[in-house]
Amino acid sequence: MTKVIITVTSSVNDEQFKSICDGLKRKFGNDLSFEKCVDDGIIGGFIADISGDIYDASIISQLKKMSKHISIG
C-alpha cells in the first residue's frame, strides 16, 4: 500500500477530502492510504505527496507561477 500525504486548508470538509482521495485513486490505483495534513498557508486546493512525488494543485503555487509571468515596469 502506498502512503499519500494530502495537504489541504482547514476549510476542507470530509466530503471534499474524500473527493480528492477518490480522484487520486482513479489516477494512481486503489492501493493508496491517505493521511490528511492541514496548512492554511496553501490558501486552497491541495498538495499530494505520493512516495516523494509531489503533485501541487494549491492556490499559492498557482499564484507563484503567475507572478513569474507578470512584470511590473
C-alpha atoms as a PDB file:
ATOM      1  CA  MET A   1       0.000   0.000   0.000  1.00  0.00           C
ATOM      2  CA  THR A   2       1.309   3.437  -0.959  1.00  0.00           C
ATOM      3  CA  LYS A   3       1.014   6.201   1.623  1.00  0.00           C
ATOM      4  CA  VAL A   4      -0.252   9.547   0.342  1.00  0.00           C
ATOM      5  CA  ILE A   5       0.005  12.712   2.426  1.00  0.00           C
ATOM      6  CA  ILE A   6      -2.556  15.263   1.303  1.00  0.00           C
ATOM      7  CA  THR A   7      -2.125  18.842   2.469  1.00  0.00           C
ATOM      8  CA  VAL A   8      -5.314  20.918   2.482  1.00  0.00           C
ATOM      9  CA  THR A   9      -6.662  24.001   4.233  1.00  0.00           C
ATOM     10  CA  SER A  10      -8.718  23.732   7.401  1.00  0.00           C
ATOM     11  CA  SER A  11     -11.814  24.712   5.405  1.00  0.00           C
ATOM     12  CA  VAL A  12     -11.818  21.386   3.506  1.00  0.00           C
ATOM     13  CA  ASN A  13     -14.592  19.191   4.887  1.00  0.00           C
ATOM     14  CA  ASP A  14     -14.679  15.383   4.981  1.00  0.00           C
ATOM     15  CA  GLU A  15     -16.689  15.110   1.748  1.00  0.00           C
ATOM     16  CA  GLN A  16     -14.214  17.310  -0.140  1.00  0.00           C
ATOM     17  CA  PHE A  17     -11.256  15.361   1.261  1.00  0.00           C
ATOM     18  CA  LYS A  18     -12.892  12.092   0.174  1.00  0.00           C
ATOM     19  CA  SER A  19     -13.387  13.544  -3.312  1.00  0.00           C
ATOM     20  CA  ILE A  20      -9.668  14.361  -3.543  1.00  0.00           C
ATOM     21  CA  CYS A  21      -8.792  10.837  -2.362  1.00  0.00           C
ATOM     22  CA  ASP A  22     -11.206   9.273  -4.867  1.00  0.00           C
ATOM     23  CA  GLY A  23      -9.652  11.302  -7.700  1.00  0.00           C
ATOM     24  CA  LEU A  24      -6.161  10.172  -6.733  1.00  0.00           C
ATOM     25  CA  LYS A  25      -7.345   6.546  -6.580  1.00  0.00           C
ATOM     26  CA  ARG A  26      -8.749   6.859 -10.114  1.00  0.00           C
ATOM     27  CA  LYS A  27      -5.428   8.264 -11.339  1.00  0.00           C
ATOM     28  CA  PHE A  28      -2.968   6.090  -9.389  1.00  0.00           C
ATOM     29  CA  GLY A  29      -4.950   2.986  -8.410  1.00  0.00           C
ATOM     30  CA  ASN A  30      -6.774   1.798  -5.312  1.00  0.00           C
ATOM     31  CA  ASP A  31      -3.673   0.678  -3.419  1.00  0.00           C
ATOM     32  CA  LEU A  32      -3.336   4.007  -1.577  1.00  0.00           C
ATOM     33  CA  SER A  33      -3.666   5.003   2.071  1.00  0.00           C
ATOM     34  CA  PHE A  34      -4.261   8.649   2.925  1.00  0.00           C
ATOM     35  CA  GLU A  35      -3.087  10.984   5.644  1.00  0.00           C
ATOM     36  CA  LYS A  36      -4.532  14.476   5.970  1.00  0.00           C
ATOM     37  CA  CYS A  37      -2.252  17.405   6.789  1.00  0.00           C
ATOM     38  CA  VAL A  38      -3.678  20.910   7.354  1.00  0.00           C
ATOM     39  CA  ASP A  39      -1.844  24.048   6.208  1.00  0.00           C
ATOM     40  CA  ASP A  40      -3.861  27.223   5.677  1.00  0.00           C
ATOM     41  CA  GLY A  41      -0.811  28.762   4.001  1.00  0.00           C
ATOM     42  CA  ILE A  42      -1.650  26.991   0.744  1.00  0.00           C
ATOM     43  CA  ILE A  43      -4.819  29.168   0.561  1.00  0.00           C
ATOM     44  CA  GLY A  44      -6.848  26.498  -1.267  1.00  0.00           C
ATOM     45  CA  GLY A  45      -6.538  23.422  -3.440  1.00  0.00           C
ATOM     46  CA  PHE A  46      -4.263  20.620  -2.246  1.00  0.00           C
ATOM     47  CA  ILE A  47      -0.773  19.183  -2.349  1.00  0.00           C
ATOM     48  CA  ALA A  48      -0.357  15.408  -2.592  1.00  0.00           C
ATOM     49  CA  ASP A  49       2.897  13.680  -1.645  1.00  0.00           C
ATOM     50  CA  ILE A  50       2.855  10.200  -3.145  1.00  0.00           C
ATOM     51  CA  SER A  51       6.013   8.355  -2.135  1.00  0.00           C
ATOM     52  CA  GLY A  52       8.064  11.513  -2.563  1.00  0.00           C
ATOM     53  CA  ASP A  53       6.442  12.621  -5.823  1.00  0.00           C
ATOM     54  CA  ILE A  54       4.732  15.970  -5.221  1.00  0.00           C
ATOM     55  CA  TYR A  55       1.543  16.939  -7.063  1.00  0.00           C
ATOM     56  CA  ASP A  56       0.874  20.582  -6.268  1.00  0.00           C
ATOM     57  CA  ALA A  57      -2.624  21.833  -7.067  1.00  0.00           C
ATOM     58  CA  SER A  58      -2.575  24.555  -4.415  1.00  0.00           C
ATOM     59  CA  ILE A  59      -3.683  28.128  -4.968  1.00  0.00           C
ATOM     60  CA  ILE A  60      -0.423  29.510  -3.564  1.00  0.00           C
ATOM     61  CA  SER A  61       1.558  27.505  -6.122  1.00  0.00           C
ATOM     62  CA  GLN A  62      -0.611  28.814  -8.960  1.00  0.00           C
ATOM     63  CA  LEU A  63      -0.172  32.389  -7.714  1.00  0.00           C
ATOM     64  CA  LYS A  64       3.609  31.953  -7.602  1.00  0.00           C
ATOM     65  CA  LYS A  65       3.626  30.629 -11.177  1.00  0.00           C
ATOM     66  CA  MET A  66       1.513  33.569 -12.337  1.00  0.00           C
ATOM     67  CA  SER A  67       3.746  36.097 -10.609  1.00  0.00           C
ATOM     68  CA  LYS A  68       6.713  34.814 -12.626  1.00  0.00           C
ATOM     69  CA  HIS A  69       4.883  35.795 -15.820  1.00  0.00           C
ATOM     70  CA  ILE A  70       3.914  39.270 -14.661  1.00  0.00           C
ATOM     71  CA  SER A  71       6.452  42.012 -14.972  1.00  0.00           C
ATOM     72  CA  ILE A  72       5.939  45.431 -13.447  1.00  0.00           C
ATOM     73  CA  GLY A  73       7.817  48.177 -15.146  1.00  0.00           C
END
